[in-house]
PDB file of N, CA and C in Angstrom:
ATOM      1  N   MET A   1     -37.385 -57.907  61.133  1.00  0.00           N
ATOM      2  CA  MET A   1     -36.108 -57.996  60.736  1.00  0.00           C
ATOM      3  C   MET A   1     -36.077 -59.973  59.709  1.00  0.00           C
ATOM      4  N   PRO A   2     -35.795 -59.824  59.016  1.00  0.00           N
ATOM      5  CA  PRO A   2     -35.884 -61.353  57.938  1.00  0.00           C
ATOM      6  C   PRO A   2     -35.047 -62.229  58.554  1.00  0.00           C
ATOM      7  N   PHE A   3     -33.991 -61.851  59.453  1.00  0.00           N
ATOM      8  CA  PHE A   3     -33.068 -63.195  60.014  1.00  0.00           C
ATOM      9  C   PHE A   3     -33.296 -63.288  61.343  1.00  0.00           C
ATOM     10  N   SER A   4     -34.460 -62.939  61.944  1.00  0.00           N
ATOM     11  CA  SER A   4     -34.447 -63.668  63.046  1.00  0.00           C
ATOM     12  C   SER A   4     -36.111 -63.385  63.039  1.00  0.00           C
ATOM     13  N   PHE A   5     -36.237 -64.671  62.746  1.00  0.00           N
ATOM     14  CA  PHE A   5     -37.787 -65.245  62.703  1.00  0.00           C
ATOM     15  C   PHE A   5     -38.780 -65.462  63.622  1.00  0.00           C
ATOM     16  N   SER A   6     -37.768 -65.728  64.951  1.00  0.00           N
ATOM     17  CA  SER A   6     -38.375 -65.349  66.384  1.00  0.00           C
ATOM     18  C   SER A   6     -39.018 -64.687  66.653  1.00  0.00           C
ATOM     19  N   ARG A   7     -38.952 -63.625  65.749  1.00  0.00           N
ATOM     20  CA  ARG A   7     -39.862 -62.209  66.629  1.00  0.00           C
ATOM     21  C   ARG A   7     -40.865 -61.752  65.034  1.00  0.00           C
ATOM     22  N   HIS A   8     -40.795 -62.919  64.395  1.00  0.00           N
ATOM     23  CA  HIS A   8     -41.906 -62.603  63.083  1.00  0.00           C
ATOM     24  C   HIS A   8     -43.069 -62.110  63.815  1.00  0.00           C
ATOM     25  N   PRO A   9     -43.855 -61.591  63.167  1.00  0.00           N
ATOM     26  CA  PRO A   9     -45.360 -61.421  63.979  1.00  0.00           C
ATOM     27  C   PRO A   9     -46.143 -62.597  63.171  1.00  0.00           C
ATOM     28  N   ALA A  10     -45.695 -63.236  62.044  1.00  0.00           N
ATOM     29  CA  ALA A  10     -46.672 -64.271  61.558  1.00  0.00           C
ATOM     30  C   ALA A  10     -46.304 -65.288  62.363  1.00  0.00           C
ATOM     31  N   LEU A  11     -44.870 -65.186  63.388  1.00  0.00           N
ATOM     32  CA  LEU A  11     -45.195 -66.751  64.051  1.00  0.00           C
ATOM     33  C   LEU A  11     -45.668 -66.555  65.547  1.00  0.00           C
ATOM     34  N   ALA A  12     -45.765 -65.486  65.754  1.00  0.00           N
ATOM     35  CA  ALA A  12     -46.360 -65.206  67.190  1.00  0.00           C
ATOM     36  C   ALA A  12     -47.654 -66.096  67.225  1.00  0.00           C
ATOM     37  N   GLY A  13     -47.397 -66.349  68.842  1.00  0.00           N
ATOM     38  CA  GLY A  13     -48.350 -67.287  69.396  1.00  0.00           C
ATOM     39  C   GLY A  13     -48.460 -68.480  69.063  1.00  0.00           C
ATOM     40  N   LEU A  14     -47.073 -69.073  68.532  1.00  0.00           N
ATOM     41  CA  LEU A  14     -47.102 -70.471  67.934  1.00  0.00           C
ATOM     42  C   LEU A  14     -46.094 -71.314  68.870  1.00  0.00           C
ATOM     43  N   ASP A  15     -46.219 -72.788  68.817  1.00  0.00           N
ATOM     44  CA  ASP A  15     -45.446 -73.271  69.656  1.00  0.00           C
ATOM     45  C   ASP A  15     -43.957 -73.657  68.656  1.00  0.00           C
ATOM     46  N   ARG A  16     -43.105 -74.389  68.777  1.00  0.00           N
ATOM     47  CA  ARG A  16     -41.897 -74.456  68.188  1.00  0.00           C
ATOM     48  C   ARG A  16     -42.111 -75.296  67.039  1.00  0.00           C
ATOM     49  N   ALA A  17     -43.076 -76.421  67.353  1.00  0.00           N
ATOM     50  CA  ALA A  17     -43.521 -77.153  65.811  1.00  0.00           C
ATOM     51  C   ALA A  17     -44.152 -76.617  65.309  1.00  0.00           C
ATOM     52  N   SER A  18     -45.038 -75.848  65.389  1.00  0.00           N
ATOM     53  CA  SER A  18     -46.107 -75.248  64.765  1.00  0.00           C
ATOM     54  C   SER A  18     -45.068 -73.984  63.438  1.00  0.00           C
ATOM     55  N   ARG A  19     -44.231 -73.168  64.497  1.00  0.00           N
ATOM     56  CA  ARG A  19     -43.221 -72.639  64.141  1.00  0.00           C
ATOM     57  C   ARG A  19     -42.781 -73.179  62.722  1.00  0.00           C
ATOM     58  N   ARG A  20     -41.793 -74.469  63.338  1.00  0.00           N
ATOM     59  CA  ARG A  20     -41.117 -75.311  61.996  1.00  0.00           C
ATOM     60  C   ARG A  20     -42.136 -75.322  60.826  1.00  0.00           C
ATOM     61  N   ASP A  21     -43.673 -75.685  61.109  1.00  0.00           N
ATOM     62  CA  ASP A  21     -44.331 -76.441  60.041  1.00  0.00           C
ATOM     63  C   ASP A  21     -44.609 -74.851  58.745  1.00  0.00           C
ATOM     64  N   VAL A  22     -44.883 -73.685  59.686  1.00  0.00           N
ATOM     65  CA  VAL A  22     -45.125 -72.514  58.791  1.00  0.00           C
ATOM     66  C   VAL A  22     -43.751 -72.253  58.122  1.00  0.00           C
ATOM     67  N   ARG A  23     -42.796 -72.309  58.929  1.00  0.00           N
ATOM     68  CA  ARG A  23     -41.257 -71.881  58.060  1.00  0.00           C
ATOM     69  C   ARG A  23     -41.284 -73.300  56.810  1.00  0.00           C
ATOM     70  N   ARG A  24     -41.312 -74.436  57.108  1.00  0.00           N
ATOM     71  CA  ARG A  24     -41.645 -75.232  55.757  1.00  0.00           C
ATOM     72  C   ARG A  24     -42.318 -74.857  55.059  1.00  0.00           C
ATOM     73  N   ILE A  25     -43.456 -74.748  55.274  1.00  0.00           N
ATOM     74  CA  ILE A  25     -44.656 -73.910  54.321  1.00  0.00           C
ATOM     75  C   ILE A  25     -44.029 -72.804  53.471  1.00  0.00           C
ATOM     76  N   ALA A  26     -43.420 -71.297  54.035  1.00  0.00           N
ATOM     77  CA  ALA A  26     -43.108 -70.463  53.634  1.00  0.00           C
ATOM     78  C   ALA A  26     -42.138 -71.157  52.626  1.00  0.00           C
ATOM     79  N   TRP A  27     -40.836 -72.063  53.335  1.00  0.00           N
ATOM     80  CA  TRP A  27     -39.830 -72.318  52.487  1.00  0.00           C
ATOM     81  C   TRP A  27     -40.333 -72.765  51.056  1.00  0.00           C
ATOM     82  N   HIS A  28     -41.430 -74.071  51.251  1.00  0.00           N
ATOM     83  CA  HIS A  28     -42.061 -74.506  49.844  1.00  0.00           C
ATOM     84  C   HIS A  28     -42.743 -73.522  49.045  1.00  0.00           C
ATOM     85  N   PHE A  29     -43.093 -72.781  49.451  1.00  0.00           N
ATOM     86  CA  PHE A  29     -43.785 -71.546  48.411  1.00  0.00           C
ATOM     87  C   PHE A  29     -42.758 -70.540  47.676  1.00  0.00           C
ATOM     88  N   ALA A  30     -41.648 -70.561  48.716  1.00  0.00           N
ATOM     89  CA  ALA A  30     -40.403 -69.811  47.923  1.00  0.00           C
ATOM     90  C   ALA A  30     -39.399 -70.322  47.250  1.00  0.00           C
ATOM     91  N   GLN A  31     -39.579 -71.763  47.029  1.00  0.00           N
ATOM     92  CA  GLN A  31     -38.988 -72.708  46.053  1.00  0.00           C
ATOM     93  C   GLN A  31     -39.514 -72.343  44.724  1.00  0.00           C
ATOM     94  N   ARG A  32     -40.896 -72.050  44.283  1.00  0.00           N
ATOM     95  CA  ARG A  32     -41.367 -72.014  43.136  1.00  0.00           C
ATOM     96  C   ARG A  32     -40.962 -70.416  42.891  1.00  0.00           C
ATOM     97  N   HIS A  33     -40.079 -69.389  43.679  1.00  0.00           N
ATOM     98  CA  HIS A  33     -39.823 -68.224  42.776  1.00  0.00           C
ATOM     99  C   HIS A  33     -38.650 -68.561  42.314  1.00  0.00           C
ATOM    100  N   TRP A  34     -38.869 -68.023  40.812  1.00  0.00           N
ATOM    101  CA  TRP A  34     -37.160 -67.798  40.126  1.00  0.00           C
ATOM    102  C   TRP A  34     -35.485 -67.296  40.642  1.00  0.00           C
ATOM    103  N   THR A  35     -36.413 -66.139  41.411  1.00  0.00           N
ATOM    104  CA  THR A  35     -34.979 -65.598  41.941  1.00  0.00           C
ATOM    105  C   THR A  35     -34.423 -66.372  42.857  1.00  0.00           C
ATOM    106  N   LEU A  36     -35.206 -67.057  43.458  1.00  0.00           N
ATOM    107  CA  LEU A  36     -34.386 -67.973  44.530  1.00  0.00           C
ATOM    108  C   LEU A  36     -33.138 -68.836  44.047  1.00  0.00           C
ATOM    109  N   HIS A  37     -33.104 -69.157  43.002  1.00  0.00           N
ATOM    110  CA  HIS A  37     -31.906 -69.801  42.302  1.00  0.00           C
ATOM    111  C   HIS A  37     -31.238 -68.807  41.692  1.00  0.00           C
ATOM    112  N   ALA A  38     -31.380 -67.336  41.275  1.00  0.00           N
ATOM    113  CA  ALA A  38     -30.280 -66.822  40.692  1.00  0.00           C
ATOM    114  C   ALA A  38     -29.233 -67.163  41.049  1.00  0.00           C
ATOM    115  N   PRO A  39     -28.512 -66.749  42.672  1.00  0.00           N
ATOM    116  CA  PRO A  39     -27.189 -66.674  42.990  1.00  0.00           C
ATOM    117  C   PRO A  39     -26.474 -68.452  42.492  1.00  0.00           C
ATOM    118  N   ALA A  40     -27.513 -69.587  42.521  1.00  0.00           N
ATOM    119  CA  ALA A  40     -26.605 -70.818  41.844  1.00  0.00           C
ATOM    120  C   ALA A  40     -26.465 -70.343  40.245  1.00  0.00           C
ATOM    121  N   PHE A  41     -27.118 -70.263  39.635  1.00  0.00           N
ATOM    122  CA  PHE A  41     -27.357 -69.808  38.311  1.00  0.00           C
ATOM    123  C   PHE A  41     -25.852 -68.583  38.220  1.00  0.00           C
ATOM    124  N   VAL A  42     -25.724 -67.416  38.794  1.00  0.00           N
ATOM    125  CA  VAL A  42     -24.615 -66.677  38.626  1.00  0.00           C
ATOM    126  C   VAL A  42     -23.611 -67.564  39.336  1.00  0.00           C
ATOM    127  N   TRP A  43     -23.337 -68.494  40.000  1.00  0.00           N
ATOM    128  CA  TRP A  43     -22.208 -69.336  40.467  1.00  0.00           C
ATOM    129  C   TRP A  43     -21.538 -70.057  39.669  1.00  0.00           C
ATOM    130  N   ILE A  44     -22.717 -70.853  38.769  1.00  0.00           N
ATOM    131  CA  ILE A  44     -22.377 -71.779  37.649  1.00  0.00           C
ATOM    132  C   ILE A  44     -21.622 -71.194  36.526  1.00  0.00           C
ATOM    133  N   VAL A  45     -22.248 -69.819  36.120  1.00  0.00           N
ATOM    134  CA  VAL A  45     -21.473 -68.647  35.012  1.00  0.00           C
ATOM    135  C   VAL A  45     -20.288 -68.522  35.626  1.00  0.00           C
ATOM    136  N   PHE A  46     -20.110 -68.015  36.630  1.00  0.00           N
ATOM    137  CA  PHE A  46     -18.589 -67.711  37.238  1.00  0.00           C
ATOM    138  C   PHE A  46     -17.805 -69.313  37.068  1.00  0.00           C
ATOM    139  N   VAL A  47     -18.294 -70.145  37.441  1.00  0.00           N
ATOM    140  CA  VAL A  47     -17.325 -71.195  37.376  1.00  0.00           C
ATOM    141  C   VAL A  47     -16.659 -71.398  35.879  1.00  0.00           C
ATOM    142  N   LEU A  48     -17.845 -71.443  35.411  1.00  0.00           N
ATOM    143  CA  LEU A  48     -17.559 -71.901  33.616  1.00  0.00           C
ATOM    144  C   LEU A  48     -16.731 -71.068  33.356  1.00  0.00           C
ATOM    145  N   LEU A  49     -16.723 -69.784  33.530  1.00  0.00           N
ATOM    146  CA  LEU A  49     -15.975 -68.558  32.998  1.00  0.00           C
ATOM    147  C   LEU A  49     -14.457 -68.733  34.012  1.00  0.00           C
ATOM    148  N   HIS A  50     -14.236 -68.936  34.586  1.00  0.00           N
ATOM    149  CA  HIS A  50     -13.243 -69.466  35.372  1.00  0.00           C
ATOM    150  C   HIS A  50     -12.719 -70.334  34.969  1.00  0.00           C
ATOM    151  N   THR A  51     -13.265 -71.524  34.799  1.00  0.00           N
ATOM    152  CA  THR A  51     -12.638 -72.603  33.946  1.00  0.00           C
ATOM    153  C   THR A  51     -12.160 -72.438  32.896  1.00  0.00           C
ATOM    154  N   ARG A  52     -13.112 -71.647  31.711  1.00  0.00           N
ATOM    155  CA  ARG A  52     -12.812 -71.568  30.251  1.00  0.00           C
ATOM    156  C   ARG A  52     -11.972 -70.130  30.321  1.00  0.00           C
ATOM    157  N   TYR A  53     -11.802 -69.751  30.642  1.00  0.00           N
ATOM    158  CA  TYR A  53     -11.281 -67.999  30.339  1.00  0.00           C
ATOM    159  C   TYR A  53     -10.110 -67.464  31.753  1.00  0.00           C
ATOM    160  N   HIS A  54     -10.615 -68.054  32.687  1.00  0.00           N
ATOM    161  CA  HIS A  54      -9.545 -67.725  33.557  1.00  0.00           C
ATOM    162  C   HIS A  54      -9.810 -66.431  34.397  1.00  0.00           C
ATOM    163  N   VAL A  55     -11.049 -65.745  34.555  1.00  0.00           N
ATOM    164  CA  VAL A  55     -11.232 -64.755  35.041  1.00  0.00           C
ATOM    165  C   VAL A  55     -10.795 -64.327  36.587  1.00  0.00           C
ATOM    166  N   MET A  56     -10.249 -65.505  37.208  1.00  0.00           N
ATOM    167  CA  MET A  56      -9.735 -64.940  38.783  1.00  0.00           C
ATOM    168  C   MET A  56      -8.840 -66.086  38.400  1.00  0.00           C
ATOM    169  N   PRO A  57      -7.112 -65.448  38.615  1.00  0.00           N
ATOM    170  CA  PRO A  57      -6.372 -66.218  38.161  1.00  0.00           C
ATOM    171  C   PRO A  57      -5.958 -66.618  39.472  1.00  0.00           C
ATOM    172  N   GLU A  58      -6.354 -66.023  40.430  1.00  0.00           N
ATOM    173  CA  GLU A  58      -5.705 -66.297  42.292  1.00  0.00           C
ATOM    174  C   GLU A  58      -6.738 -66.991  42.647  1.00  0.00           C
ATOM    175  N   ARG A  59      -6.159 -68.248  43.343  1.00  0.00           N
ATOM    176  CA  ARG A  59      -7.177 -69.351  43.613  1.00  0.00           C
ATOM    177  C   ARG A  59      -8.070 -68.522  45.207  1.00  0.00           C
ATOM    178  N   ARG A  60      -6.964 -67.599  45.632  1.00  0.00           N
ATOM    179  CA  ARG A  60      -7.609 -66.716  46.640  1.00  0.00           C
ATOM    180  C   ARG A  60      -8.805 -66.074  46.238  1.00  0.00           C
ATOM    181  N   ASP A  61      -8.565 -65.315  45.143  1.00  0.00           N
ATOM    182  CA  ASP A  61      -9.670 -64.386  44.954  1.00  0.00           C
ATOM    183  C   ASP A  61     -11.111 -65.352  44.264  1.00  0.00           C
ATOM    184  N   TYR A  62     -11.031 -65.857  43.482  1.00  0.00           N
ATOM    185  CA  TYR A  62     -12.256 -67.421  43.185  1.00  0.00           C
ATOM    186  C   TYR A  62     -12.476 -67.911  44.501  1.00  0.00           C
ATOM    187  N   LEU A  63     -12.032 -68.305  45.575  1.00  0.00           N
ATOM    188  CA  LEU A  63     -12.690 -68.719  46.962  1.00  0.00           C
ATOM    189  C   LEU A  63     -13.245 -67.582  47.786  1.00  0.00           C
ATOM    190  N   LEU A  64     -13.135 -66.602  47.192  1.00  0.00           N
ATOM    191  CA  LEU A  64     -13.678 -65.138  48.051  1.00  0.00           C
ATOM    192  C   LEU A  64     -14.771 -64.687  47.256  1.00  0.00           C
ATOM    193  N   VAL A  65     -14.672 -64.915  45.929  1.00  0.00           N
ATOM    194  CA  VAL A  65     -16.075 -64.607  45.072  1.00  0.00           C
ATOM    195  C   VAL A  65     -16.983 -65.823  45.344  1.00  0.00           C
ATOM    196  N   THR A  66     -16.540 -67.034  45.365  1.00  0.00           N
ATOM    197  CA  THR A  66     -17.659 -68.014  45.649  1.00  0.00           C
ATOM    198  C   THR A  66     -18.232 -68.108  47.341  1.00  0.00           C
ATOM    199  N   LEU A  67     -17.132 -67.599  48.620  1.00  0.00           N
ATOM    200  CA  LEU A  67     -17.942 -67.119  49.489  1.00  0.00           C
ATOM    201  C   LEU A  67     -18.877 -66.043  49.814  1.00  0.00           C
ATOM    202  N   VAL A  68     -18.318 -65.399  48.295  1.00  0.00           N
ATOM    203  CA  VAL A  68     -19.614 -63.913  48.629  1.00  0.00           C
ATOM    204  C   VAL A  68     -20.646 -64.331  47.790  1.00  0.00           C
ATOM    205  N   ILE A  69     -20.851 -65.146  46.838  1.00  0.00           N
ATOM    206  CA  ILE A  69     -22.089 -65.752  46.202  1.00  0.00           C
ATOM    207  C   ILE A  69     -22.569 -66.789  47.365  1.00  0.00           C
ATOM    208  N   PHE A  70     -22.043 -67.583  48.069  1.00  0.00           N
ATOM    209  CA  PHE A  70     -22.914 -68.069  48.890  1.00  0.00           C
ATOM    210  C   PHE A  70     -23.424 -67.392  50.002  1.00  0.00           C
ATOM    211  N   VAL A  71     -22.928 -66.018  50.717  1.00  0.00           N
ATOM    212  CA  VAL A  71     -23.481 -65.305  51.656  1.00  0.00           C
ATOM    213  C   VAL A  71     -24.866 -64.816  51.035  1.00  0.00           C
ATOM    214  N   LEU A  72     -24.506 -64.360  49.586  1.00  0.00           N
ATOM    215  CA  LEU A  72     -25.561 -63.651  49.232  1.00  0.00           C
ATOM    216  C   LEU A  72     -26.682 -64.824  49.274  1.00  0.00           C
ATOM    217  N   ALA A  73     -26.458 -66.139  48.297  1.00  0.00           N
ATOM    218  CA  ALA A  73     -27.636 -66.938  48.013  1.00  0.00           C
ATOM    219  C   ALA A  73     -28.726 -67.088  49.388  1.00  0.00           C
ATOM    220  N   VAL A  74     -27.376 -67.373  50.598  1.00  0.00           N
ATOM    221  CA  VAL A  74     -28.223 -67.391  51.896  1.00  0.00           C
ATOM    222  C   VAL A  74     -29.091 -66.362  52.889  1.00  0.00           C
ATOM    223  N   VAL A  75     -28.748 -65.340  52.327  1.00  0.00           N
ATOM    224  CA  VAL A  75     -29.315 -63.898  52.831  1.00  0.00           C
ATOM    225  C   VAL A  75     -30.589 -63.848  51.348  1.00  0.00           C
ATOM    226  N   ASN A  76     -30.581 -64.534  50.225  1.00  0.00           N
ATOM    227  CA  ASN A  76     -31.870 -64.516  49.259  1.00  0.00           C
ATOM    228  C   ASN A  76     -32.390 -65.598  49.665  1.00  0.00           C
ATOM    229  N   ILE A  77     -32.210 -66.215  50.197  1.00  0.00           N
ATOM    230  CA  ILE A  77     -33.311 -67.534  50.646  1.00  0.00           C
ATOM    231  C   ILE A  77     -34.067 -66.764  52.112  1.00  0.00           C
ATOM    232  N   ARG A  78     -33.252 -66.303  53.169  1.00  0.00           N
ATOM    233  CA  ARG A  78     -33.629 -66.152  54.181  1.00  0.00           C
ATOM    234  C   ARG A  78     -35.310 -64.758  53.673  1.00  0.00           C
ATOM    235  N   LEU A  79     -34.141 -64.002  52.459  1.00  0.00           N
ATOM    236  CA  LEU A  79     -35.118 -63.072  52.520  1.00  0.00           C
ATOM    237  C   LEU A  79     -36.636 -63.616  51.872  1.00  0.00           C
ATOM    238  N   HIS A  80     -36.446 -64.622  51.039  1.00  0.00           N
ATOM    239  CA  HIS A  80     -37.727 -65.258  50.177  1.00  0.00           C
ATOM    240  C   HIS A  80     -38.647 -65.927  51.446  1.00  0.00           C
ATOM    241  N   ILE A  81     -37.885 -66.590  52.310  1.00  0.00           N
ATOM    242  CA  ILE A  81     -38.965 -67.425  53.313  1.00  0.00           C
ATOM    243  C   ILE A  81     -39.448 -66.358  54.394  1.00  0.00           C
ATOM    244  N   ALA A  82     -38.900 -65.143  54.989  1.00  0.00           N
ATOM    245  CA  ALA A  82     -39.739 -64.064  55.154  1.00  0.00           C
ATOM    246  C   ALA A  82     -40.874 -63.343  54.595  1.00  0.00           C
ATOM    247  N   ARG A  83     -40.507 -63.542  52.893  1.00  0.00           N
ATOM    248  CA  ARG A  83     -41.890 -62.913  52.278  1.00  0.00           C
ATOM    249  C   ARG A  83     -42.879 -63.957  52.593  1.00  0.00           C
ATOM    250  N   TYR A  84     -42.670 -65.474  52.240  1.00  0.00           N
ATOM    251  CA  TYR A  84     -43.646 -66.197  52.503  1.00  0.00           C
ATOM    252  C   TYR A  84     -44.506 -66.542  53.740  1.00  0.00           C
ATOM    253  N   LEU A  85     -43.913 -66.068  54.949  1.00  0.00           N
ATOM    254  CA  LEU A  85     -44.199 -66.304  55.984  1.00  0.00           C
ATOM    255  C   LEU A  85     -46.084 -66.044  56.453  1.00  0.00           C
ATOM    256  N   ARG A  86     -46.129 -65.189  56.218  1.00  0.00           N
ATOM    257  CA  ARG A  86     -47.452 -64.305  56.269  1.00  0.00           C
ATOM    258  C   ARG A  86     -48.868 -65.569  55.797  1.00  0.00           C
ATOM    259  N   PRO A  87     -48.352 -65.721  54.161  1.00  0.00           N
ATOM    260  CA  PRO A  87     -49.369 -66.333  53.449  1.00  0.00           C
ATOM    261  C   PRO A  87     -49.226 -67.721  54.471  1.00  0.00           C
ATOM    262  N   ALA A  88     -47.887 -68.274  54.387  1.00  0.00           N
ATOM    263  CA  ALA A  88     -48.079 -69.585  54.868  1.00  0.00           C
ATOM    264  C   ALA A  88     -48.971 -69.929  56.329  1.00  0.00           C
ATOM    265  N   ARG A  89     -48.723 -68.999  57.176  1.00  0.00           N
ATOM    266  CA  ARG A  89     -49.199 -69.031  58.452  1.00  0.00           C
ATOM    267  C   ARG A  89     -50.695 -68.774  57.921  1.00  0.00           C
ATOM    268  N   ALA A  90     -51.014 -68.154  57.120  1.00  0.00           N
ATOM    269  CA  ALA A  90     -52.765 -67.912  56.998  1.00  0.00           C
ATOM    270  C   ALA A  90     -53.033 -69.657  56.585  1.00  0.00           C
ATOM    271  N   LEU A  91     -52.588 -70.063  55.865  1.00  0.00           N
ATOM    272  CA  LEU A  91     -52.040 -71.843  55.457  1.00  0.00           C
ATOM    273  C   LEU A  91     -52.415 -72.779  56.245  1.00  0.00           C
ATOM    274  N   PHE A  92     -51.301 -72.528  57.489  1.00  0.00           N
ATOM    275  CA  PHE A  92     -51.321 -73.072  58.726  1.00  0.00           C
ATOM    276  C   PHE A  92     -52.092 -72.614  59.447  1.00  0.00           C
ATOM    277  N   ASP A  93     -53.013 -71.495  59.843  1.00  0.00           N
ATOM    278  CA  ASP A  93     -54.209 -71.783  60.025  1.00  0.00           C
ATOM    279  C   ASP A  93     -55.305 -72.066  59.550  1.00  0.00           C
ATOM    280  N   ALA A  94     -55.264 -72.290  58.286  1.00  0.00           N
ATOM    281  CA  ALA A  94     -56.478 -73.051  57.556  1.00  0.00           C
ATOM    282  C   ALA A  94     -56.434 -74.571  57.950  1.00  0.00           C
ATOM    283  N   LEU A  95     -55.726 -74.793  57.623  1.00  0.00           N
ATOM    284  CA  LEU A  95     -55.184 -76.126  57.639  1.00  0.00           C
ATOM    285  C   LEU A  95     -55.345 -77.021  58.634  1.00  0.00           C
ATOM    286  N   GLY A  96     -54.059 -76.855  59.727  1.00  0.00           N
ATOM    287  CA  GLY A  96     -53.758 -76.835  60.777  1.00  0.00           C
ATOM    288  C   GLY A  96     -52.385 -78.022  60.401  1.00  0.00           C
ATOM    289  N   SER A  97     -51.793 -78.386  61.499  1.00  0.00           N
ATOM    290  CA  SER A  97     -50.634 -79.094  61.567  1.00  0.00           C
ATOM    291  C   SER A  97     -50.627 -80.107  60.456  1.00  0.00           C
ATOM    292  N   ALA A  98     -51.436 -81.182  60.673  1.00  0.00           N
ATOM    293  CA  ALA A  98     -51.594 -82.186  59.972  1.00  0.00           C
ATOM    294  C   ALA A  98     -51.654 -82.228  58.282  1.00  0.00           C
ATOM    295  N   GLY A  99     -52.589 -80.772  57.912  1.00  0.00           N
ATOM    296  CA  GLY A  99     -52.794 -80.400  56.528  1.00  0.00           C
ATOM    297  C   GLY A  99     -51.514 -79.377  56.497  1.00  0.00           C
ATOM    298  N   ALA A 100     -50.899 -78.817  56.942  1.00  0.00           N
ATOM    299  CA  ALA A 100     -49.477 -78.446  56.645  1.00  0.00           C
ATOM    300  C   ALA A 100     -48.791 -79.375  56.205  1.00  0.00           C
ATOM    301  N   ARG A 101     -48.512 -80.230  56.863  1.00  0.00           N
ATOM    302  CA  ARG A 101     -47.572 -81.696  56.713  1.00  0.00           C
ATOM    303  C   ARG A 101     -47.617 -82.216  55.174  1.00  0.00           C
ATOM    304  N   ALA A 102     -49.215 -82.392  54.736  1.00  0.00           N
ATOM    305  CA  ALA A 102     -49.769 -82.652  53.878  1.00  0.00           C
ATOM    306  C   ALA A 102     -49.080 -81.942  52.528  1.00  0.00           C
ATOM    307  N   VAL A 103     -49.028 -80.435  52.880  1.00  0.00           N
ATOM    308  CA  VAL A 103     -48.989 -79.408  51.595  1.00  0.00           C
ATOM    309  C   VAL A 103     -47.080 -79.690  51.243  1.00  0.00           C
ATOM    310  N   VAL A 104     -46.168 -79.764  52.280  1.00  0.00           N
ATOM    311  CA  VAL A 104     -44.987 -79.390  51.987  1.00  0.00           C
ATOM    312  C   VAL A 104     -44.477 -81.312  51.679  1.00  0.00           C
ATOM    313  N   GLY A 105     -45.180 -82.406  51.867  1.00  0.00           N
ATOM    314  CA  GLY A 105     -44.838 -83.465  51.458  1.00  0.00           C
ATOM    315  C   GLY A 105     -43.847 -84.434  52.733  1.00  0.00           C
ATOM    316  N   ARG A 106     -44.303 -84.084  53.668  1.00  0.00           N
ATOM    317  CA  ARG A 106     -43.527 -84.379  55.279  1.00  0.00           C
ATOM    318  C   ARG A 106     -44.632 -85.162  56.074  1.00  0.00           C
TER     319      ARG A 106
END
Protein backbone atom coordinates (compact mmCIF):
# COMPACT_ATOMS: atom_id res chain seq x y z
CA MET A 1 0.00 0.00 0.00
CA PRO A 2 1.56 3.29 -1.04
CA PHE A 3 0.10 5.24 1.86
CA SER A 4 1.66 3.27 4.69
CA PHE A 5 5.36 3.34 4.05
CA SER A 6 6.09 1.62 7.36
CA ARG A 7 5.20 -1.75 5.78
CA HIS A 8 6.93 -1.15 2.47
CA PRO A 9 9.47 -3.91 1.73
CA ALA A 10 12.12 -1.38 0.71
CA LEU A 11 12.13 0.01 4.26
CA ALA A 12 12.29 -3.33 6.04
CA GLY A 13 15.09 -3.70 8.55
CA LEU A 14 15.92 0.00 8.83
CA ASP A 15 15.83 2.18 11.89
CA ARG A 16 13.79 5.39 11.99
CA ALA A 17 16.57 7.71 10.81
CA SER A 18 17.51 5.39 7.94
CA ARG A 19 13.87 5.10 6.81
CA ARG A 20 13.69 8.89 6.80
CA ASP A 21 16.86 9.08 4.69
CA VAL A 22 15.49 6.54 2.19
CA ARG A 23 12.21 8.46 1.92
CA ARG A 24 14.15 11.68 1.34
CA ILE A 25 16.14 10.07 -1.46
CA ALA A 26 12.88 8.77 -2.98
CA TRP A 27 11.39 12.27 -2.72
CA HIS A 28 14.54 13.66 -4.35
CA PHE A 29 14.07 11.23 -7.27
CA ALA A 30 10.32 11.90 -7.51
CA GLN A 31 10.79 15.65 -7.83
CA ARG A 32 12.53 15.11 -11.15
CA HIS A 33 9.46 13.51 -12.73
CA TRP A 34 7.18 15.96 -14.56
CA THR A 35 3.92 14.23 -13.58
CA LEU A 36 4.55 15.16 -9.95
CA HIS A 37 3.83 18.78 -10.89
CA ALA A 38 0.70 18.07 -12.94
CA PRO A 39 -1.81 18.85 -10.13
CA ALA A 40 -0.17 22.23 -9.53
CA PHE A 41 -0.40 23.03 -13.22
CA VAL A 42 -4.07 21.96 -13.30
CA TRP A 43 -4.79 24.14 -10.27
CA ILE A 44 -3.10 27.19 -11.83
CA VAL A 45 -5.09 26.73 -15.04
CA PHE A 46 -8.28 26.30 -12.99
CA VAL A 47 -7.61 29.51 -11.02
CA LEU A 48 -6.88 31.44 -14.20
CA LEU A 49 -10.07 30.15 -15.84
CA HIS A 50 -12.03 31.00 -12.71
CA THR A 51 -10.69 34.53 -12.42
CA ARG A 52 -11.01 35.28 -16.13
CA TYR A 53 -14.21 33.43 -17.12
CA HIS A 54 -15.82 32.61 -13.76
CA VAL A 55 -16.13 28.90 -14.52
CA MET A 56 -17.20 28.30 -10.91
CA PRO A 57 -19.62 31.06 -9.92
CA GLU A 58 -20.20 29.71 -6.41
CA ARG A 59 -17.45 30.14 -3.85
CA ARG A 60 -18.29 26.78 -2.28
CA ASP A 61 -17.83 24.96 -5.60
CA TYR A 62 -14.52 26.73 -6.18
CA LEU A 63 -13.24 25.70 -2.75
CA LEU A 64 -14.46 22.14 -3.29
CA VAL A 65 -12.60 21.83 -6.60
CA THR A 66 -9.49 23.32 -4.98
CA LEU A 67 -9.73 20.79 -2.15
CA VAL A 68 -10.13 17.90 -4.61
CA ILE A 69 -7.08 19.07 -6.56
CA PHE A 70 -5.12 19.29 -3.29
CA VAL A 71 -6.10 15.73 -2.32
CA LEU A 72 -5.11 14.50 -5.77
CA ALA A 73 -1.77 16.25 -5.40
CA VAL A 74 -1.10 14.53 -2.07
CA VAL A 75 -2.04 11.13 -3.51
CA ASN A 76 0.17 11.82 -6.52
CA ILE A 77 3.13 12.69 -4.29
CA ARG A 78 2.69 9.55 -2.19
CA LEU A 79 2.50 7.36 -5.29
CA HIS A 80 5.65 8.93 -6.73
CA ILE A 81 7.55 8.41 -3.47
CA ALA A 82 6.37 4.78 -3.30
CA ARG A 83 7.58 4.23 -6.86
CA TYR A 84 11.10 5.40 -6.03
CA LEU A 85 11.54 3.71 -2.64
CA ARG A 86 13.25 0.60 -4.06
CA PRO A 87 15.92 2.53 -6.04
CA ALA A 88 16.35 4.87 -3.07
CA ARG A 89 16.98 1.90 -0.78
CA ALA A 90 19.55 0.52 -3.22
CA LEU A 91 21.32 3.88 -3.26
CA PHE A 92 21.16 4.09 0.52
CA ASP A 93 22.64 0.61 0.87
CA ALA A 94 25.47 1.53 -1.50
CA LEU A 95 26.31 4.95 -0.05
CA GLY A 96 25.28 4.71 3.57
CA SER A 97 23.69 7.41 5.68
CA ALA A 98 26.32 10.11 5.11
CA GLY A 99 26.31 9.55 1.34
CA ALA A 100 22.52 9.65 1.24
CA ARG A 101 22.50 12.98 3.02
CA ALA A 102 25.02 14.30 0.53
CA VAL A 103 22.75 13.25 -2.36
CA VAL A 104 19.73 15.13 -1.05
CA GLY A 105 21.75 18.09 0.22
CA ARG A 106 21.15 17.74 3.95
